[in-house]
Amino acid sequence: MLSRRFQYIDAIIIDTPVLDEQVRRETQDVRRIQERLSRCEAFIGYLNGCSTYIQDSVSQRIWADSRQAILDDVSYIKTRL
């Protein structure tokens, strides 16, 4: 599933409104892969914080699984650098 891949998250970060000023600074447009991976992790952390407002248990489980898949993908990419 594409939405669980670093490449997809990396592409949508710039177009996603981020309400937290600190996270917005961390998710600026960058070029180096290490910066892009860090940006992805900050964005996923932000989304994870937002997910605390989800009350549906099925949706919570889907997010938890997606979050872990994305972080696993980021970790894998880091091992290849």
PDB file of N, CA and C in Angstrom:
ATOM      1  N   MET A   1       0.836  -1.166   0.000  1.00  0.00           N
ATOM      2  CA  MET A   1       0.000   0.000   0.000  1.00  0.00           C
ATOM      3  C   MET A   1       0.891   1.242   0.000  1.00  0.00           C
ATOM      4  N   LEU A   2       0.690   2.091  -0.962  1.00  0.00           N
ATOM      5  CA  LEU A   2       1.537   3.260  -1.170  1.00  0.00           C
ATOM      6  C   LEU A   2       1.557   4.200   0.041  1.00  0.00           C
ATOM      7  N   SER A   3       0.430   4.371   0.710  1.00  0.00           N
ATOM      8  CA  SER A   3       0.358   5.311   1.829  1.00  0.00           C
ATOM      9  C   SER A   3       1.194   4.875   3.027  1.00  0.00           C
ATOM     10  N   ARG A   4       1.719   3.681   2.985  1.00  0.00           N
ATOM     11  CA  ARG A   4       2.573   3.172   4.065  1.00  0.00           C
ATOM     12  C   ARG A   4       4.053   3.212   3.690  1.00  0.00           C
ATOM     13  N   ARG A   5       4.380   3.947   2.650  1.00  0.00           N
ATOM     14  CA  ARG A   5       5.759   4.028   2.160  1.00  0.00           C
ATOM     15  C   ARG A   5       6.327   5.427   2.364  1.00  0.00           C
ATOM     16  N   PHE A   6       7.620   5.473   2.644  1.00  0.00           N
ATOM     17  CA  PHE A   6       8.310   6.744   2.826  1.00  0.00           C
ATOM     18  C   PHE A   6       8.115   7.655   1.622  1.00  0.00           C
ATOM     19  N   GLN A   7       8.216   7.106   0.423  1.00  0.00           N
ATOM     20  CA  GLN A   7       8.142   7.915  -0.789  1.00  0.00           C
ATOM     21  C   GLN A   7       6.824   8.689  -0.863  1.00  0.00           C
ATOM     22  N   TYR A   8       5.754   8.063  -0.481  1.00  0.00           N
ATOM     23  CA  TYR A   8       4.442   8.718  -0.520  1.00  0.00           C
ATOM     24  C   TYR A   8       4.367   9.826   0.532  1.00  0.00           C
ATOM     25  N   ILE A   9       4.749   9.506   1.755  1.00  0.00           N
ATOM     26  CA  ILE A   9       4.719  10.494   2.834  1.00  0.00           C
ATOM     27  C   ILE A   9       5.625  11.674   2.480  1.00  0.00           C
ATOM     28  N   ASP A  10       6.793  11.379   1.960  1.00  0.00           N
ATOM     29  CA  ASP A  10       7.730  12.423   1.565  1.00  0.00           C
ATOM     30  C   ASP A  10       7.104  13.357   0.529  1.00  0.00           C
ATOM     31  N   ALA A  11       6.297  12.816  -0.357  1.00  0.00           N
ATOM     32  CA  ALA A  11       5.675  13.624  -1.403  1.00  0.00           C
ATOM     33  C   ALA A  11       4.525  14.488  -0.883  1.00  0.00           C
ATOM     34  N   ILE A  12       3.796  14.027   0.124  1.00  0.00           N
ATOM     35  CA  ILE A  12       2.619  14.779   0.574  1.00  0.00           C
ATOM     36  C   ILE A  12       2.904  15.750   1.719  1.00  0.00           C
ATOM     37  N   ILE A  13       4.049  15.637   2.354  1.00  0.00           N
ATOM     38  CA  ILE A  13       4.348  16.484   3.514  1.00  0.00           C
ATOM     39  C   ILE A  13       4.178  17.965   3.186  1.00  0.00           C
ATOM     40  N   ILE A  14       4.725  18.403   2.094  1.00  0.00           N
ATOM     41  CA  ILE A  14       4.734  19.823   1.742  1.00  0.00           C
ATOM     42  C   ILE A  14       3.318  20.356   1.525  1.00  0.00           C
ATOM     43  N   ASP A  15       2.406  19.524   1.048  1.00  0.00           N
ATOM     44  CA  ASP A  15       1.043  19.972   0.745  1.00  0.00           C
ATOM     45  C   ASP A  15       0.061  19.756   1.889  1.00  0.00           C
ATOM     46  N   THR A  16       0.516  19.207   2.998  1.00  0.00           N
ATOM     47  CA  THR A  16      -0.371  18.928   4.121  1.00  0.00           C
ATOM     48  C   THR A  16      -0.296  20.055   5.145  1.00  0.00           C
ATOM     49  N   PRO A  17      -1.436  20.645   5.494  1.00  0.00           N
ATOM     50  CA  PRO A  17      -1.416  21.709   6.508  1.00  0.00           C
ATOM     51  C   PRO A  17      -0.980  21.149   7.865  1.00  0.00           C
ATOM     52  N   VAL A  18      -0.033  21.810   8.485  1.00  0.00           N
ATOM     53  CA  VAL A  18       0.459  21.422   9.811  1.00  0.00           C
ATOM     54  C   VAL A  18       0.168  22.586  10.754  1.00  0.00           C
ATOM     55  N   LEU A  19      -0.614  22.335  11.779  1.00  0.00           N
ATOM     56  CA  LEU A  19      -1.041  23.397  12.681  1.00  0.00           C
ATOM     57  C   LEU A  19      -0.025  23.723  13.763  1.00  0.00           C
ATOM     58  N   ASP A  20       0.867  22.799  14.052  1.00  0.00           N
ATOM     59  CA  ASP A  20       1.885  23.004  15.083  1.00  0.00           C
ATOM     60  C   ASP A  20       3.080  23.740  14.463  1.00  0.00           C
ATOM     61  N   GLU A  21       3.391  24.912  15.005  1.00  0.00           N
ATOM     62  CA  GLU A  21       4.456  25.756  14.447  1.00  0.00           C
ATOM     63  C   GLU A  21       5.814  25.048  14.442  1.00  0.00           C
ATOM     64  N   GLN A  22       6.159  24.383  15.523  1.00  0.00           N
ATOM     65  CA  GLN A  22       7.447  23.676  15.608  1.00  0.00           C
ATOM     66  C   GLN A  22       7.549  22.591  14.541  1.00  0.00           C
ATOM     67  N   VAL A  23       6.502  21.803  14.404  1.00  0.00           N
ATOM     68  CA  VAL A  23       6.504  20.733  13.395  1.00  0.00           C
ATOM     69  C   VAL A  23       6.531  21.341  12.001  1.00  0.00           C
ATOM     70  N   ARG A  24       5.834  22.448  11.806  1.00  0.00           N
ATOM     71  CA  ARG A  24       5.856  23.113  10.494  1.00  0.00           C
ATOM     72  C   ARG A  24       7.278  23.495  10.118  1.00  0.00           C
ATOM     73  N   ARG A  25       8.054  23.977  11.075  1.00  0.00           N
ATOM     74  CA  ARG A  25       9.465  24.322  10.791  1.00  0.00           C
ATOM     75  C   ARG A  25      10.275  23.065  10.456  1.00  0.00           C
ATOM     76  N   GLU A  26       9.949  21.962  11.097  1.00  0.00           N
ATOM     77  CA  GLU A  26      10.675  20.703  10.871  1.00  0.00           C
ATOM     78  C   GLU A  26      10.287  20.039   9.553  1.00  0.00           C
ATOM     79  N   THR A  27       9.190  20.476   8.958  1.00  0.00           N
ATOM     80  CA  THR A  27       8.722  19.828   7.736  1.00  0.00           C
ATOM     81  C   THR A  27       8.863  20.744   6.517  1.00  0.00           C
ATOM     82  N   GLN A  28       9.847  21.610   6.558  1.00  0.00           N
ATOM     83  CA  GLN A  28      10.153  22.480   5.415  1.00  0.00           C
ATOM     84  C   GLN A  28      10.683  21.636   4.252  1.00  0.00           C
ATOM     85  N   ASP A  29      10.703  22.231   3.073  1.00  0.00           N
ATOM     86  CA  ASP A  29      11.227  21.552   1.889  1.00  0.00           C
ATOM     87  C   ASP A  29      12.745  21.371   2.034  1.00  0.00           C
ATOM     88  N   VAL A  30      13.207  20.154   1.919  1.00  0.00           N
ATOM     89  CA  VAL A  30      14.633  19.821   2.017  1.00  0.00           C
ATOM     90  C   VAL A  30      15.009  18.896   0.862  1.00  0.00           C
ATOM     91  N   ARG A  31      16.304  18.737   0.632  1.00  0.00           N
ATOM     92  CA  ARG A  31      16.760  17.922  -0.503  1.00  0.00           C
ATOM     93  C   ARG A  31      17.514  16.657  -0.089  1.00  0.00           C
ATOM     94  N   ARG A  32      18.390  16.764   0.893  1.00  0.00           N
ATOM     95  CA  ARG A  32      19.204  15.610   1.274  1.00  0.00           C
ATOM     96  C   ARG A  32      18.340  14.504   1.878  1.00  0.00           C
ATOM     97  N   ILE A  33      18.659  13.266   1.557  1.00  0.00           N
ATOM     98  CA  ILE A  33      17.836  12.137   1.985  1.00  0.00           C
ATOM     99  C   ILE A  33      17.763  12.039   3.513  1.00  0.00           C
ATOM    100  N   GLN A  34      18.855  12.307   4.209  1.00  0.00           N
ATOM    101  CA  GLN A  34      18.837  12.251   5.667  1.00  0.00           C
ATOM    102  C   GLN A  34      17.842  13.272   6.233  1.00  0.00           C
ATOM    103  N   GLU A  35      17.815  14.457   5.653  1.00  0.00           N
ATOM    104  CA  GLU A  35      16.868  15.488   6.083  1.00  0.00           C
ATOM    105  C   GLU A  35      15.433  15.088   5.756  1.00  0.00           C
ATOM    106  N   ARG A  36      15.243  14.461   4.619  1.00  0.00           N
ATOM    107  CA  ARG A  36      13.904  14.014   4.223  1.00  0.00           C
ATOM    108  C   ARG A  36      13.405  12.912   5.149  1.00  0.00           C
ATOM    109  N   LEU A  37      14.300  12.027   5.576  1.00  0.00           N
ATOM    110  CA  LEU A  37      13.905  10.971   6.510  1.00  0.00           C
ATOM    111  C   LEU A  37      13.532  11.562   7.866  1.00  0.00           C
ATOM    112  N   SER A  38      14.317  12.504   8.341  1.00  0.00           N
ATOM    113  CA  SER A  38      14.014  13.179   9.614  1.00  0.00           C
ATOM    114  C   SER A  38      12.696  13.937   9.521  1.00  0.00           C
ATOM    115  N   ARG A  39      12.493  14.595   8.397  1.00  0.00           N
ATOM    116  CA  ARG A  39      11.245  15.327   8.177  1.00  0.00           C
ATOM    117  C   ARG A  39      10.054  14.372   8.216  1.00  0.00           C
ATOM    118  N   CYS A  40      10.202  13.212   7.608  1.00  0.00           N
ATOM    119  CA  CYS A  40       9.139  12.209   7.603  1.00  0.00           C
ATOM    120  C   CYS A  40       8.835  11.747   9.031  1.00  0.00           C
ATOM    121  N   GLU A  41       9.866  11.496   9.801  1.00  0.00           N
ATOM    122  CA  GLU A  41       9.652  11.056  11.188  1.00  0.00           C
ATOM    123  C   GLU A  41       8.941  12.137  12.009  1.00  0.00           C
ATOM    124  N   ALA A  42       9.312  13.398  11.809  1.00  0.00           N
ATOM    125  CA  ALA A  42       8.648  14.495  12.522  1.00  0.00           C
ATOM    126  C   ALA A  42       7.178  14.583  12.115  1.00  0.00           C
ATOM    127  N   PHE A  43       6.908  14.419  10.837  1.00  0.00           N
ATOM    128  CA  PHE A  43       5.536  14.484  10.330  1.00  0.00           C
ATOM    129  C   PHE A  43       4.704  13.328  10.875  1.00  0.00           C
ATOM    130  N   ILE A  44       5.270  12.145  10.893  1.00  0.00           N
ATOM    131  CA  ILE A  44       4.545  10.988  11.426  1.00  0.00           C
ATOM    132  C   ILE A  44       4.278  11.182  12.923  1.00  0.00           C
ATOM    133  N   GLY A  45       5.244  11.757  13.630  1.00  0.00           N
ATOM    134  CA  GLY A  45       5.018  12.073  15.040  1.00  0.00           C
ATOM    135  C   GLY A  45       3.869  13.047  15.220  1.00  0.00           C
ATOM    136  N   TYR A  46       3.808  14.049  14.348  1.00  0.00           N
ATOM    137  CA  TYR A  46       2.718  15.020  14.370  1.00  0.00           C
ATOM    138  C   TYR A  46       1.376  14.330  14.122  1.00  0.00           C
ATOM    139  N   LEU A  47       1.322  13.510  13.082  1.00  0.00           N
ATOM    140  CA  LEU A  47       0.082  12.788  12.785  1.00  0.00           C
ATOM    141  C   LEU A  47      -0.305  11.860  13.927  1.00  0.00           C
ATOM    142  N   ASN A  48       0.681  11.262  14.555  1.00  0.00           N
ATOM    143  CA  ASN A  48       0.398  10.380  15.679  1.00  0.00           C
ATOM    144  C   ASN A  48      -0.246  11.165  16.826  1.00  0.00           C
ATOM    145  N   GLY A  49       0.261  12.360  17.080  1.00  0.00           N
ATOM    146  CA  GLY A  49      -0.356  13.208  18.098  1.00  0.00           C
ATOM    147  C   GLY A  49      -1.793  13.557  17.736  1.00  0.00           C
ATOM    148  N   CYS A  50      -2.024  13.845  16.465  1.00  0.00           N
ATOM    149  CA  CYS A  50      -3.377  14.148  15.998  1.00  0.00           C
ATOM    150  C   CYS A  50      -4.298  12.941  16.144  1.00  0.00           C
ATOM    151  N   SER A  51      -3.730  11.758  16.024  1.00  0.00           N
ATOM    152  CA  SER A  51      -4.549  10.540  16.066  1.00  0.00           C
ATOM    153  C   SER A  51      -5.147  10.277  17.443  1.00  0.00           C
ATOM    154  N   THR A  52      -4.663  10.955  18.464  1.00  0.00           N
ATOM    155  CA  THR A  52      -5.220  10.738  19.805  1.00  0.00           C
ATOM    156  C   THR A  52      -6.683  11.169  19.873  1.00  0.00           C
ATOM    157  N   TYR A  53      -7.123  11.961  18.910  1.00  0.00           N
ATOM    158  CA  TYR A  53      -8.508  12.412  18.876  1.00  0.00           C
ATOM    159  C   TYR A  53      -9.435  11.424  18.162  1.00  0.00           C
ATOM    160  N   ILE A  54      -8.870  10.400  17.556  1.00  0.00           N
ATOM    161  CA  ILE A  54      -9.684   9.383  16.881  1.00  0.00           C
ATOM    162  C   ILE A  54     -10.334   8.510  17.948  1.00  0.00           C
ATOM    163  N   GLN A  55     -11.639   8.391  17.879  1.00  0.00           N
ATOM    164  CA  GLN A  55     -12.352   7.613  18.884  1.00  0.00           C
ATOM    165  C   GLN A  55     -12.726   6.214  18.405  1.00  0.00           C
ATOM    166  N   ASP A  56     -12.700   6.000  17.120  1.00  0.00           N
ATOM    167  CA  ASP A  56     -13.053   4.706  16.555  1.00  0.00           C
ATOM    168  C   ASP A  56     -11.879   3.735  16.682  1.00  0.00           C
ATOM    169  N   SER A  57     -12.090   2.603  17.327  1.00  0.00           N
ATOM    170  CA  SER A  57     -10.989   1.665  17.575  1.00  0.00           C
ATOM    171  C   SER A  57     -10.432   1.046  16.298  1.00  0.00           C
ATOM    172  N   VAL A  58     -11.271   0.829  15.306  1.00  0.00           N
ATOM    173  CA  VAL A  58     -10.792   0.275  14.035  1.00  0.00           C
ATOM    174  C   VAL A  58      -9.867   1.281  13.354  1.00  0.00           C
ATOM    175  N   SER A  59     -10.262   2.538  13.327  1.00  0.00           N
ATOM    176  CA  SER A  59      -9.428   3.578  12.731  1.00  0.00           C
ATOM    177  C   SER A  59      -8.120   3.748  13.503  1.00  0.00           C
ATOM    178  N   GLN A  60      -8.168   3.642  14.810  1.00  0.00           N
ATOM    179  CA  GLN A  60      -6.950   3.709  15.621  1.00  0.00           C
ATOM    180  C   GLN A  60      -5.988   2.584  15.245  1.00  0.00           C
ATOM    181  N   ARG A  61      -6.528   1.389  15.064  1.00  0.00           N
ATOM    182  CA  ARG A  61      -5.695   0.234  14.704  1.00  0.00           C
ATOM    183  C   ARG A  61      -5.093   0.409  13.310  1.00  0.00           C
ATOM    184  N   ILE A  62      -5.889   0.908  12.374  1.00  0.00           N
ATOM    185  CA  ILE A  62      -5.384   1.144  11.017  1.00  0.00           C
ATOM    186  C   ILE A  62      -4.243   2.152  11.063  1.00  0.00           C
ATOM    187  N   TRP A  63      -4.429   3.240  11.827  1.00  0.00           N
ATOM    188  CA  TRP A  63      -3.361   4.238  11.933  1.00  0.00           C
ATOM    189  C   TRP A  63      -2.117   3.641  12.581  1.00  0.00           C
ATOM    190  N   ALA A  64      -2.287   2.894  13.655  1.00  0.00           N
ATOM    191  CA  ALA A  64      -1.128   2.305  14.339  1.00  0.00           C
ATOM    192  C   ALA A  64      -0.351   1.388  13.395  1.00  0.00           C
ATOM    193  N   ASP A  65      -1.058   0.592  12.621  1.00  0.00           N
ATOM    194  CA  ASP A  65      -0.396  -0.297  11.653  1.00  0.00           C
ATOM    195  C   ASP A  65       0.311   0.507  10.555  1.00  0.00           C
ATOM    196  N   SER A  66      -0.357   1.537  10.056  1.00  0.00           N
ATOM    197  CA  SER A  66       0.237   2.375   9.005  1.00  0.00           C
ATOM    198  C   SER A  66       1.469   3.096   9.526  1.00  0.00           C
ATOM    199  N   ARG A  67       1.347   3.671  10.710  1.00  0.00           N
ATOM    200  CA  ARG A  67       2.469   4.391  11.328  1.00  0.00           C
ATOM    201  C   ARG A  67       3.685   3.475  11.450  1.00  0.00           C
ATOM    202  N   GLN A  68       3.460   2.264  11.942  1.00  0.00           N
ATOM    203  CA  GLN A  68       4.575   1.339  12.119  1.00  0.00           C
ATOM    204  C   GLN A  68       5.192   0.950  10.778  1.00  0.00           C
ATOM    205  N   ALA A  69       4.367   0.743   9.778  1.00  0.00           N
ATOM    206  CA  ALA A  69       4.884   0.389   8.446  1.00  0.00           C
ATOM    207  C   ALA A  69       5.743   1.515   7.876  1.00  0.00           C
ATOM    208  N   ILE A  70       5.309   2.754   8.052  1.00  0.00           N
ATOM    209  CA  ILE A  70       6.084   3.888   7.550  1.00  0.00           C
ATOM    210  C   ILE A  70       7.415   3.993   8.288  1.00  0.00           C
ATOM    211  N   LEU A  71       7.373   3.889   9.610  1.00  0.00           N
ATOM    212  CA  LEU A  71       8.603   3.974  10.394  1.00  0.00           C
ATOM    213  C   LEU A  71       9.551   2.822  10.072  1.00  0.00           C
ATOM    214  N   ASP A  72       9.005   1.633   9.810  1.00  0.00           N
ATOM    215  CA  ASP A  72       9.838   0.496   9.393  1.00  0.00           C
ATOM    216  C   ASP A  72      10.500   0.784   8.046  1.00  0.00           C
ATOM    217  N   ASP A  73       9.745   1.396   7.139  1.00  0.00           N
ATOM    218  CA  ASP A  73      10.299   1.741   5.828  1.00  0.00           C
ATOM    219  C   ASP A  73      11.420   2.770   5.977  1.00  0.00           C
ATOM    220  N   VAL A  74      11.212   3.763   6.823  1.00  0.00           N
ATOM    221  CA  VAL A  74      12.245   4.773   7.079  1.00  0.00           C
ATOM    222  C   VAL A  74      13.492   4.110   7.661  1.00  0.00           C
ATOM    223  N   SER A  75      13.288   3.221   8.620  1.00  0.00           N
ATOM    224  CA  SER A  75      14.435   2.508   9.230  1.00  0.00           C
ATOM    225  C   SER A  75      15.191   1.691   8.194  1.00  0.00           C
ATOM    226  N   TYR A  76      14.470   1.017   7.326  1.00  0.00           N
ATOM    227  CA  TYR A  76      15.111   0.227   6.280  1.00  0.00           C
ATOM    228  C   TYR A  76      15.949   1.121   5.359  1.00  0.00           C
ATOM    229  N   ILE A  77      15.386   2.247   4.959  1.00  0.00           N
ATOM    230  CA  ILE A  77      16.129   3.167   4.086  1.00  0.00           C
ATOM    231  C   ILE A  77      17.396   3.663   4.782  1.00  0.00           C
ATOM    232  N   LYS A  78      17.283   3.952   6.063  1.00  0.00           N
ATOM    233  CA  LYS A  78      18.465   4.424   6.817  1.00  0.00           C
ATOM    234  C   LYS A  78      19.583   3.372   6.813  1.00  0.00           C
ATOM    235  N   THR A  79      19.219   2.092   6.847  1.00  0.00           N
ATOM    236  CA  THR A  79      20.253   1.041   6.820  1.00  0.00           C
ATOM    237  C   THR A  79      20.940   0.951   5.476  1.00  0.00           C
ATOM    238  N   ARG A  80      20.297   1.447   4.432  1.00  0.00           N
ATOM    239  CA  ARG A  80      20.848   1.371   3.079  1.00  0.00           C
ATOM    240  C   ARG A  80      21.727   2.562   2.724  1.00  0.00           C
ATOM    241  N   LEU A  81      21.780   3.571   3.610  1.00  0.00           N
ATOM    242  CA  LEU A  81      22.573   4.777   3.312  1.00  0.00           C
ATOM    243  C   LEU A  81      24.041   4.547   3.610  1.00  0.00           C
TER     244      LEU A  81
END
